[in-house]
Amino acid sequence: MILEEPFIIHKLGNATERENWVRELLEKVGLPEDSIDRYPHEFSGGQRQRIGIARAIAVKPKLLICDESVSALDVSVQAQILNLLLDLQAEMNLAIIFISHDLSVVRHVSDNVAVMKAGKVVEYGTSDEVYKTPKHEYTKTLLAAIPITHPKYRSRPVS
């Protein structure tokens, strides 16, 4: 299975150990053990994302870079994957760089936010600072474009 590759590449463990580690990874990302014997086309988008996350954490990195990791998923699956990432972050003491165009998702998962325009950081701060009191015009424009569905939040102070 593809989850064994990181162990093989890094020359970790024997076949039995690697199989046990793969089973642990599957459990850690919320996939059933029988996933070991399935082919990629037999997985849903959310399950494939979980497999990608399992591969990324297999060798216990200190940093995980997630680039548009939930953009192609429906909202309920997005929430599951985001919660999984946050759980893994806490459990493994992971630093995560989360890259996304979805600012509501970024706000949910980020302690600090860097706003980029044309490949350059135009604003950086804590999530609260950037979202509540944006300084750069580009940041203000991006935040103003976030759809607000709940009437309670429609009159926000972003100009």
N, C-alpha and C. Protein backbone atom coordinates (compact mmCIF):
# COMPACT_ATOMS: atom_id res chain seq x y z
N MET A 1 0.83 -1.19 0.00
CA MET A 1 0.00 0.00 0.00
C MET A 1 0.88 1.25 0.00
N ILE A 2 0.32 2.32 -0.50
CA ILE A 2 1.05 3.59 -0.64
C ILE A 2 1.51 4.14 0.72
N LEU A 3 0.83 3.78 1.80
CA LEU A 3 1.24 4.26 3.12
C LEU A 3 2.55 3.65 3.60
N GLU A 4 2.96 2.57 3.00
CA GLU A 4 4.21 1.94 3.38
C GLU A 4 5.41 2.64 2.76
N GLU A 5 5.19 3.36 1.67
CA GLU A 5 6.31 3.99 0.94
C GLU A 5 7.21 4.88 1.78
N PRO A 6 6.65 5.76 2.63
CA PRO A 6 7.57 6.60 3.43
C PRO A 6 8.54 5.78 4.28
N PHE A 7 8.08 4.66 4.80
CA PHE A 7 8.94 3.81 5.63
C PHE A 7 10.01 3.13 4.77
N ILE A 8 9.62 2.71 3.59
CA ILE A 8 10.57 2.07 2.68
C ILE A 8 11.61 3.08 2.22
N ILE A 9 11.17 4.25 1.81
CA ILE A 9 12.08 5.30 1.33
C ILE A 9 13.10 5.67 2.41
N HIS A 10 12.65 5.76 3.65
CA HIS A 10 13.54 6.13 4.76
C HIS A 10 14.21 4.92 5.41
N LYS A 11 14.01 3.74 4.77
CA LYS A 11 14.63 2.50 5.25
C LYS A 11 14.32 2.24 6.73
N LEU A 12 13.03 2.34 7.06
CA LEU A 12 12.58 2.14 8.44
C LEU A 12 11.86 0.81 8.58
N GLY A 13 12.25 0.02 9.55
CA GLY A 13 11.55 -1.20 9.90
C GLY A 13 11.62 -2.32 8.88
N ASN A 14 11.16 -3.48 9.33
CA ASN A 14 11.03 -4.62 8.43
C ASN A 14 9.58 -4.68 7.96
N ALA A 15 9.25 -5.66 7.15
CA ALA A 15 7.91 -5.75 6.55
C ALA A 15 6.81 -5.81 7.62
N THR A 16 7.03 -6.57 8.67
CA THR A 16 6.03 -6.70 9.73
C THR A 16 5.85 -5.39 10.48
N GLU A 17 6.94 -4.75 10.82
CA GLU A 17 6.86 -3.45 11.52
C GLU A 17 6.15 -2.42 10.65
N ARG A 18 6.51 -2.40 9.37
CA ARG A 18 5.89 -1.43 8.46
C ARG A 18 4.38 -1.67 8.35
N GLU A 19 3.98 -2.92 8.29
CA GLU A 19 2.54 -3.22 8.22
C GLU A 19 1.84 -2.75 9.48
N ASN A 20 2.45 -2.95 10.63
CA ASN A 20 1.87 -2.48 11.89
C ASN A 20 1.77 -0.96 11.91
N TRP A 21 2.81 -0.28 11.43
CA TRP A 21 2.80 1.19 11.39
C TRP A 21 1.71 1.70 10.45
N VAL A 22 1.52 1.01 9.33
CA VAL A 22 0.47 1.39 8.38
C VAL A 22 -0.90 1.26 9.05
N ARG A 23 -1.11 0.18 9.77
CA ARG A 23 -2.38 -0.01 10.48
C ARG A 23 -2.60 1.10 11.52
N GLU A 24 -1.54 1.47 12.22
CA GLU A 24 -1.63 2.57 13.19
C GLU A 24 -1.97 3.89 12.50
N LEU A 25 -1.34 4.14 11.34
CA LEU A 25 -1.63 5.37 10.60
C LEU A 25 -3.09 5.41 10.16
N LEU A 26 -3.59 4.29 9.65
CA LEU A 26 -4.99 4.23 9.23
C LEU A 26 -5.91 4.56 10.39
N GLU A 27 -5.63 3.99 11.54
CA GLU A 27 -6.45 4.28 12.72
C GLU A 27 -6.34 5.76 13.11
N LYS A 28 -5.13 6.29 13.06
CA LYS A 28 -4.89 7.67 13.46
C LYS A 28 -5.67 8.67 12.60
N VAL A 29 -5.84 8.35 11.31
CA VAL A 29 -6.55 9.27 10.41
C VAL A 29 -8.01 8.87 10.20
N GLY A 30 -8.46 7.87 10.94
CA GLY A 30 -9.88 7.52 10.91
C GLY A 30 -10.32 6.67 9.73
N LEU A 31 -9.43 5.83 9.22
CA LEU A 31 -9.80 4.92 8.14
C LEU A 31 -9.82 3.49 8.67
N PRO A 32 -10.72 2.66 8.14
CA PRO A 32 -10.79 1.27 8.60
C PRO A 32 -9.56 0.48 8.18
N GLU A 33 -9.26 -0.54 8.94
CA GLU A 33 -8.09 -1.37 8.68
C GLU A 33 -8.13 -2.03 7.30
N ASP A 34 -9.33 -2.34 6.81
CA ASP A 34 -9.43 -2.99 5.50
C ASP A 34 -9.05 -2.06 4.34
N SER A 35 -8.75 -0.82 4.66
CA SER A 35 -8.29 0.12 3.63
C SER A 35 -6.95 -0.32 3.04
N ILE A 36 -6.22 -1.12 3.78
CA ILE A 36 -4.92 -1.61 3.33
C ILE A 36 -5.04 -2.31 1.98
N ASP A 37 -6.13 -3.02 1.77
CA ASP A 37 -6.29 -3.83 0.57
C ASP A 37 -7.09 -3.15 -0.54
N ARG A 38 -7.40 -1.86 -0.39
CA ARG A 38 -8.21 -1.17 -1.39
C ARG A 38 -7.35 -0.38 -2.36
N TYR A 39 -7.90 -0.14 -3.54
CA TYR A 39 -7.23 0.64 -4.58
C TYR A 39 -7.66 2.10 -4.49
N PRO A 40 -6.84 3.02 -4.99
CA PRO A 40 -7.16 4.46 -4.90
C PRO A 40 -8.56 4.82 -5.40
N HIS A 41 -9.00 4.22 -6.50
CA HIS A 41 -10.31 4.58 -7.05
C HIS A 41 -11.47 4.14 -6.16
N GLU A 42 -11.18 3.34 -5.15
CA GLU A 42 -12.22 2.86 -4.23
C GLU A 42 -12.43 3.79 -3.04
N PHE A 43 -11.68 4.89 -3.00
CA PHE A 43 -11.79 5.83 -1.89
C PHE A 43 -12.51 7.10 -2.32
N SER A 44 -13.25 7.69 -1.40
CA SER A 44 -13.88 8.99 -1.65
C SER A 44 -12.81 10.09 -1.56
N GLY A 45 -13.19 11.30 -1.90
CA GLY A 45 -12.25 12.42 -1.81
C GLY A 45 -11.75 12.65 -0.40
N GLY A 46 -12.65 12.57 0.57
CA GLY A 46 -12.24 12.75 1.97
C GLY A 46 -11.32 11.64 2.45
N GLN A 47 -11.60 10.42 2.00
CA GLN A 47 -10.74 9.30 2.37
C GLN A 47 -9.36 9.44 1.73
N ARG A 48 -9.33 9.91 0.50
CA ARG A 48 -8.04 10.13 -0.17
C ARG A 48 -7.25 11.21 0.56
N GLN A 49 -7.95 12.21 1.04
CA GLN A 49 -7.27 13.27 1.80
C GLN A 49 -6.69 12.70 3.09
N ARG A 50 -7.41 11.81 3.74
CA ARG A 50 -6.92 11.17 4.95
C ARG A 50 -5.67 10.34 4.66
N ILE A 51 -5.66 9.66 3.52
CA ILE A 51 -4.49 8.88 3.12
C ILE A 51 -3.30 9.81 2.89
N GLY A 52 -3.54 10.94 2.23
CA GLY A 52 -2.47 11.92 2.03
C GLY A 52 -1.91 12.43 3.34
N ILE A 53 -2.80 12.68 4.29
CA ILE A 53 -2.37 13.14 5.61
C ILE A 53 -1.57 12.03 6.31
N ALA A 54 -2.05 10.80 6.21
CA ALA A 54 -1.33 9.67 6.83
C ALA A 54 0.07 9.56 6.25
N ARG A 55 0.21 9.70 4.94
CA ARG A 55 1.53 9.63 4.31
C ARG A 55 2.42 10.77 4.82
N ALA A 56 1.81 11.94 4.98
CA ALA A 56 2.59 13.11 5.40
C ALA A 56 3.09 12.99 6.84
N ILE A 57 2.32 12.32 7.69
CA ILE A 57 2.72 12.22 9.11
C ILE A 57 3.44 10.91 9.43
N ALA A 58 3.61 10.04 8.44
CA ALA A 58 4.17 8.70 8.67
C ALA A 58 5.51 8.73 9.40
N VAL A 59 6.39 9.62 9.00
CA VAL A 59 7.73 9.63 9.61
C VAL A 59 7.86 10.71 10.69
N LYS A 60 6.71 11.10 11.23
CA LYS A 60 6.64 12.02 12.38
C LYS A 60 7.38 13.34 12.15
N PRO A 61 6.92 14.11 11.16
CA PRO A 61 7.58 15.40 10.90
C PRO A 61 7.25 16.41 11.99
N LYS A 62 8.03 17.47 12.04
CA LYS A 62 7.76 18.58 12.96
C LYS A 62 6.86 19.63 12.30
N LEU A 63 6.89 19.66 10.95
CA LEU A 63 6.15 20.65 10.18
C LEU A 63 5.34 19.97 9.09
N LEU A 64 4.09 20.39 8.95
CA LEU A 64 3.21 19.88 7.90
C LEU A 64 2.76 21.09 7.08
N ILE A 65 2.92 21.02 5.78
CA ILE A 65 2.46 22.09 4.90
C ILE A 65 1.22 21.61 4.17
N CYS A 66 0.11 22.29 4.41
CA CYS A 66 -1.18 21.93 3.81
C CYS A 66 -1.56 23.01 2.81
N ASP A 67 -1.47 22.70 1.53
CA ASP A 67 -1.76 23.66 0.47
C ASP A 67 -3.11 23.33 -0.15
N GLU A 68 -4.11 24.15 0.14
CA GLU A 68 -5.48 23.95 -0.35
C GLU A 68 -5.96 22.53 -0.04
N SER A 69 -5.70 22.08 1.16
CA SER A 69 -5.97 20.68 1.53
C SER A 69 -7.45 20.33 1.67
N VAL A 70 -8.32 21.31 1.75
CA VAL A 70 -9.75 20.99 1.86
C VAL A 70 -10.59 21.66 0.77
N SER A 71 -9.95 22.30 -0.18
CA SER A 71 -10.69 23.10 -1.16
C SER A 71 -11.62 22.29 -2.05
N ALA A 72 -11.30 21.04 -2.34
CA ALA A 72 -12.12 20.23 -3.25
C ALA A 72 -13.15 19.37 -2.51
N LEU A 73 -13.28 19.57 -1.22
CA LEU A 73 -14.17 18.73 -0.41
C LEU A 73 -15.44 19.47 -0.05
N ASP A 74 -16.53 18.72 0.12
CA ASP A 74 -17.76 19.40 0.56
C ASP A 74 -17.60 19.84 2.01
N VAL A 75 -18.48 20.71 2.44
CA VAL A 75 -18.32 21.39 3.73
C VAL A 75 -18.24 20.43 4.91
N SER A 76 -19.07 19.40 4.93
CA SER A 76 -19.04 18.48 6.08
C SER A 76 -17.74 17.68 6.11
N VAL A 77 -17.23 17.29 4.95
CA VAL A 77 -15.96 16.56 4.89
C VAL A 77 -14.82 17.52 5.22
N GLN A 78 -14.92 18.77 4.77
CA GLN A 78 -13.91 19.78 5.13
C GLN A 78 -13.78 19.86 6.64
N ALA A 79 -14.90 19.94 7.32
CA ALA A 79 -14.88 20.06 8.78
C ALA A 79 -14.20 18.85 9.41
N GLN A 80 -14.48 17.66 8.91
CA GLN A 80 -13.86 16.45 9.45
C GLN A 80 -12.34 16.49 9.26
N ILE A 81 -11.90 16.89 8.06
CA ILE A 81 -10.47 16.93 7.77
C ILE A 81 -9.79 18.02 8.61
N LEU A 82 -10.42 19.17 8.73
CA LEU A 82 -9.84 20.24 9.54
C LEU A 82 -9.72 19.80 11.00
N ASN A 83 -10.75 19.14 11.52
CA ASN A 83 -10.70 18.65 12.89
C ASN A 83 -9.60 17.60 13.05
N LEU A 84 -9.45 16.75 12.05
CA LEU A 84 -8.37 15.75 12.08
C LEU A 84 -7.02 16.45 12.13
N LEU A 85 -6.82 17.45 11.29
CA LEU A 85 -5.54 18.18 11.28
C LEU A 85 -5.27 18.84 12.64
N LEU A 86 -6.30 19.45 13.21
CA LEU A 86 -6.12 20.10 14.51
C LEU A 86 -5.83 19.08 15.61
N ASP A 87 -6.49 17.92 15.55
CA ASP A 87 -6.21 16.86 16.52
C ASP A 87 -4.77 16.35 16.39
N LEU A 88 -4.34 16.13 15.15
CA LEU A 88 -2.98 15.66 14.91
C LEU A 88 -1.95 16.71 15.34
N GLN A 89 -2.28 17.97 15.11
CA GLN A 89 -1.39 19.06 15.52
C GLN A 89 -1.15 19.00 17.03
N ALA A 90 -2.22 18.83 17.78
CA ALA A 90 -2.09 18.78 19.23
C ALA A 90 -1.39 17.49 19.68
N GLU A 91 -1.80 16.38 19.11
CA GLU A 91 -1.26 15.08 19.51
C GLU A 91 0.22 14.93 19.17
N MET A 92 0.63 15.44 18.01
CA MET A 92 2.00 15.23 17.54
C MET A 92 2.88 16.46 17.73
N ASN A 93 2.33 17.52 18.33
CA ASN A 93 3.06 18.77 18.49
C ASN A 93 3.58 19.28 17.14
N LEU A 94 2.68 19.28 16.17
CA LEU A 94 3.01 19.67 14.79
C LEU A 94 2.84 21.15 14.57
N ALA A 95 3.74 21.72 13.83
CA ALA A 95 3.52 23.06 13.30
C ALA A 95 2.89 22.86 11.92
N ILE A 96 1.84 23.61 11.62
CA ILE A 96 1.17 23.48 10.33
C ILE A 96 1.15 24.83 9.64
N ILE A 97 1.62 24.82 8.40
CA ILE A 97 1.44 25.98 7.53
C ILE A 97 0.24 25.63 6.67
N PHE A 98 -0.82 26.40 6.81
CA PHE A 98 -2.08 26.12 6.13
C PHE A 98 -2.29 27.19 5.06
N ILE A 99 -2.21 26.77 3.81
CA ILE A 99 -2.35 27.70 2.68
C ILE A 99 -3.73 27.52 2.09
N SER A 100 -4.49 28.62 1.98
CA SER A 100 -5.84 28.51 1.45
C SER A 100 -6.34 29.87 0.97
N HIS A 101 -7.26 29.80 0.02
CA HIS A 101 -7.97 31.01 -0.41
C HIS A 101 -9.26 31.19 0.38
N ASP A 102 -9.65 30.17 1.13
CA ASP A 102 -10.88 30.21 1.90
C ASP A 102 -10.59 30.83 3.27
N LEU A 103 -10.87 32.12 3.38
CA LEU A 103 -10.50 32.84 4.59
C LEU A 103 -11.28 32.41 5.83
N SER A 104 -12.48 31.89 5.65
CA SER A 104 -13.21 31.40 6.83
C SER A 104 -12.55 30.15 7.38
N VAL A 105 -12.02 29.31 6.51
CA VAL A 105 -11.28 28.12 6.94
C VAL A 105 -9.98 28.54 7.62
N VAL A 106 -9.28 29.48 7.02
CA VAL A 106 -8.02 29.96 7.59
C VAL A 106 -8.25 30.48 9.00
N ARG A 107 -9.30 31.24 9.18
CA ARG A 107 -9.58 31.79 10.51
C ARG A 107 -9.82 30.68 11.54
N HIS A 108 -10.50 29.64 11.09
CA HIS A 108 -10.83 28.52 12.00
C HIS A 108 -9.59 27.77 12.47
N VAL A 109 -8.59 27.63 11.62
CA VAL A 109 -7.45 26.76 11.95
C VAL A 109 -6.18 27.50 12.34
N SER A 110 -6.14 28.80 12.19
CA SER A 110 -4.87 29.51 12.32
C SER A 110 -4.73 30.32 13.60
N ASP A 111 -3.54 30.26 14.16
CA ASP A 111 -3.18 31.14 15.27
C ASP A 111 -2.65 32.46 14.72
N ASN A 112 -1.84 32.36 13.66
CA ASN A 112 -1.25 33.52 12.99
C ASN A 112 -1.59 33.44 11.51
N VAL A 113 -1.72 34.61 10.89
CA VAL A 113 -2.12 34.68 9.48
C VAL A 113 -1.17 35.62 8.74
N ALA A 114 -0.74 35.16 7.58
CA ALA A 114 0.00 36.02 6.65
C ALA A 114 -0.85 36.17 5.40
N VAL A 115 -1.14 37.39 5.02
CA VAL A 115 -1.90 37.66 3.80
C VAL A 115 -0.91 37.99 2.70
N MET A 116 -1.05 37.28 1.58
CA MET A 116 -0.12 37.49 0.47
C MET A 116 -0.84 38.08 -0.74
N LYS A 117 -0.14 38.96 -1.42
CA LYS A 117 -0.63 39.52 -2.68
C LYS A 117 0.55 39.51 -3.64
N ALA A 118 0.35 38.91 -4.80
CA ALA A 118 1.39 38.83 -5.83
C ALA A 118 2.69 38.24 -5.28
N GLY A 119 2.54 37.22 -4.43
CA GLY A 119 3.71 36.51 -3.91
C GLY A 119 4.44 37.20 -2.78
N LYS A 120 3.90 38.28 -2.27
CA LYS A 120 4.54 39.00 -1.16
C LYS A 120 3.57 39.11 0.01
N VAL A 121 4.12 38.98 1.22
CA VAL A 121 3.31 39.14 2.42
C VAL A 121 3.01 40.62 2.60
N VAL A 122 1.71 40.95 2.64
CA VAL A 122 1.31 42.35 2.82
C VAL A 122 0.80 42.63 4.24
N GLU A 123 0.47 41.56 4.95
CA GLU A 123 0.03 41.74 6.33
C GLU A 123 0.27 40.45 7.09
N TYR A 124 0.69 40.59 8.34
CA TYR A 124 0.93 39.43 9.19
C TYR A 124 0.53 39.78 10.61
N GLY A 125 -0.12 38.83 11.29
CA GLY A 125 -0.48 39.03 12.68
C GLY A 125 -1.22 37.84 13.22
N THR A 126 -1.68 37.97 14.45
CA THR A 126 -2.51 36.90 14.99
C THR A 126 -3.80 36.85 14.19
N SER A 127 -4.46 35.74 14.26
CA SER A 127 -5.72 35.59 13.54
C SER A 127 -6.70 36.69 13.96
N ASP A 128 -6.81 36.93 15.26
CA ASP A 128 -7.72 37.98 15.75
C ASP A 128 -7.34 39.35 15.21
N GLU A 129 -6.05 39.68 15.23
CA GLU A 129 -5.62 41.00 14.74
C GLU A 129 -5.98 41.19 13.27
N VAL A 130 -5.64 40.20 12.46
CA VAL A 130 -5.86 40.34 11.02
C VAL A 130 -7.34 40.38 10.68
N TYR A 131 -8.14 39.55 11.34
CA TYR A 131 -9.56 39.49 11.02
C TYR A 131 -10.38 40.63 11.64
N LYS A 132 -10.00 41.06 12.84
CA LYS A 132 -10.78 42.11 13.51
C LYS A 132 -10.34 43.52 13.14
N THR A 133 -9.02 43.71 12.96
CA THR A 133 -8.52 45.05 12.64
C THR A 133 -7.48 44.98 11.53
N PRO A 134 -7.92 44.62 10.32
CA PRO A 134 -6.97 44.54 9.21
C PRO A 134 -6.36 45.91 8.91
N LYS A 135 -5.07 45.90 8.55
CA LYS A 135 -4.37 47.16 8.30
C LYS A 135 -4.21 47.44 6.80
N HIS A 136 -3.96 46.42 6.03
CA HIS A 136 -3.69 46.59 4.60
C HIS A 136 -5.00 46.59 3.81
N GLU A 137 -5.07 47.45 2.80
CA GLU A 137 -6.28 47.54 1.98
C GLU A 137 -6.63 46.21 1.32
N TYR A 138 -5.63 45.47 0.87
CA TYR A 138 -5.89 44.18 0.23
C TYR A 138 -6.56 43.22 1.21
N THR A 139 -6.07 43.20 2.45
CA THR A 139 -6.67 42.35 3.48
C THR A 139 -8.11 42.76 3.71
N LYS A 140 -8.36 44.05 3.79
CA LYS A 140 -9.73 44.55 4.00
C LYS A 140 -10.64 44.12 2.85
N THR A 141 -10.14 44.18 1.65
CA THR A 141 -10.92 43.78 0.48
C THR A 141 -11.23 42.29 0.53
N LEU A 142 -10.23 41.47 0.87
CA LEU A 142 -10.45 40.03 0.97
C LEU A 142 -11.49 39.70 2.04
N LEU A 143 -11.37 40.33 3.18
CA LEU A 143 -12.30 40.05 4.28
C LEU A 143 -13.71 40.51 3.95
N ALA A 144 -13.83 41.60 3.24
CA ALA A 144 -15.14 42.10 2.84
C ALA A 144 -15.83 41.16 1.85
N ALA A 145 -15.04 40.36 1.17
CA ALA A 145 -15.59 39.44 0.17
C ALA A 145 -16.05 38.11 0.75
N ILE A 146 -15.80 37.86 2.03
CA ILE A 146 -16.24 36.62 2.65
C ILE A 146 -17.76 36.64 2.76
N PRO A 147 -18.43 35.65 2.20
CA PRO A 147 -19.90 35.62 2.32
C PRO A 147 -20.32 35.42 3.77
N ILE A 148 -21.31 36.17 4.19
CA ILE A 148 -21.82 36.04 5.55
C ILE A 148 -23.27 35.60 5.44
N THR A 149 -23.54 34.40 5.90
CA THR A 149 -24.88 33.86 5.75
C THR A 149 -25.75 34.12 6.97
N HIS A 150 -25.15 34.24 8.13
CA HIS A 150 -25.93 34.44 9.35
C HIS A 150 -26.19 35.93 9.55
N PRO A 151 -27.48 36.34 9.67
CA PRO A 151 -27.81 37.76 9.81
C PRO A 151 -27.13 38.45 10.99
N LYS A 152 -26.87 37.71 12.05
CA LYS A 152 -26.24 38.27 13.24
C LYS A 152 -24.88 38.89 12.92
N TYR A 153 -24.18 38.33 11.92
CA TYR A 153 -22.82 38.76 11.62
C TYR A 153 -22.73 39.66 10.39
N ARG A 154 -23.83 40.09 9.84
CA ARG A 154 -23.78 40.84 8.58
C ARG A 154 -23.26 42.26 8.73
N SER A 155 -23.32 42.84 9.88
CA SER A 155 -22.83 44.21 10.04
C SER A 155 -21.49 44.21 10.75
N ARG A 156 -20.47 43.75 10.03
CA ARG A 156 -19.13 43.70 10.64
C ARG A 156 -18.35 44.97 10.31
N PRO A 157 -17.36 45.31 11.13
CA PRO A 157 -16.66 46.57 10.98
C PRO A 157 -15.50 46.57 9.97
N VAL A 158 -15.61 45.86 8.85
CA VAL A 158 -14.56 45.88 7.85
C VAL A 158 -14.95 46.86 6.77
N SER A 159 -14.08 47.84 6.50
CA SER A 159 -14.42 48.85 5.48
C SER A 159 -13.60 48.69 4.24
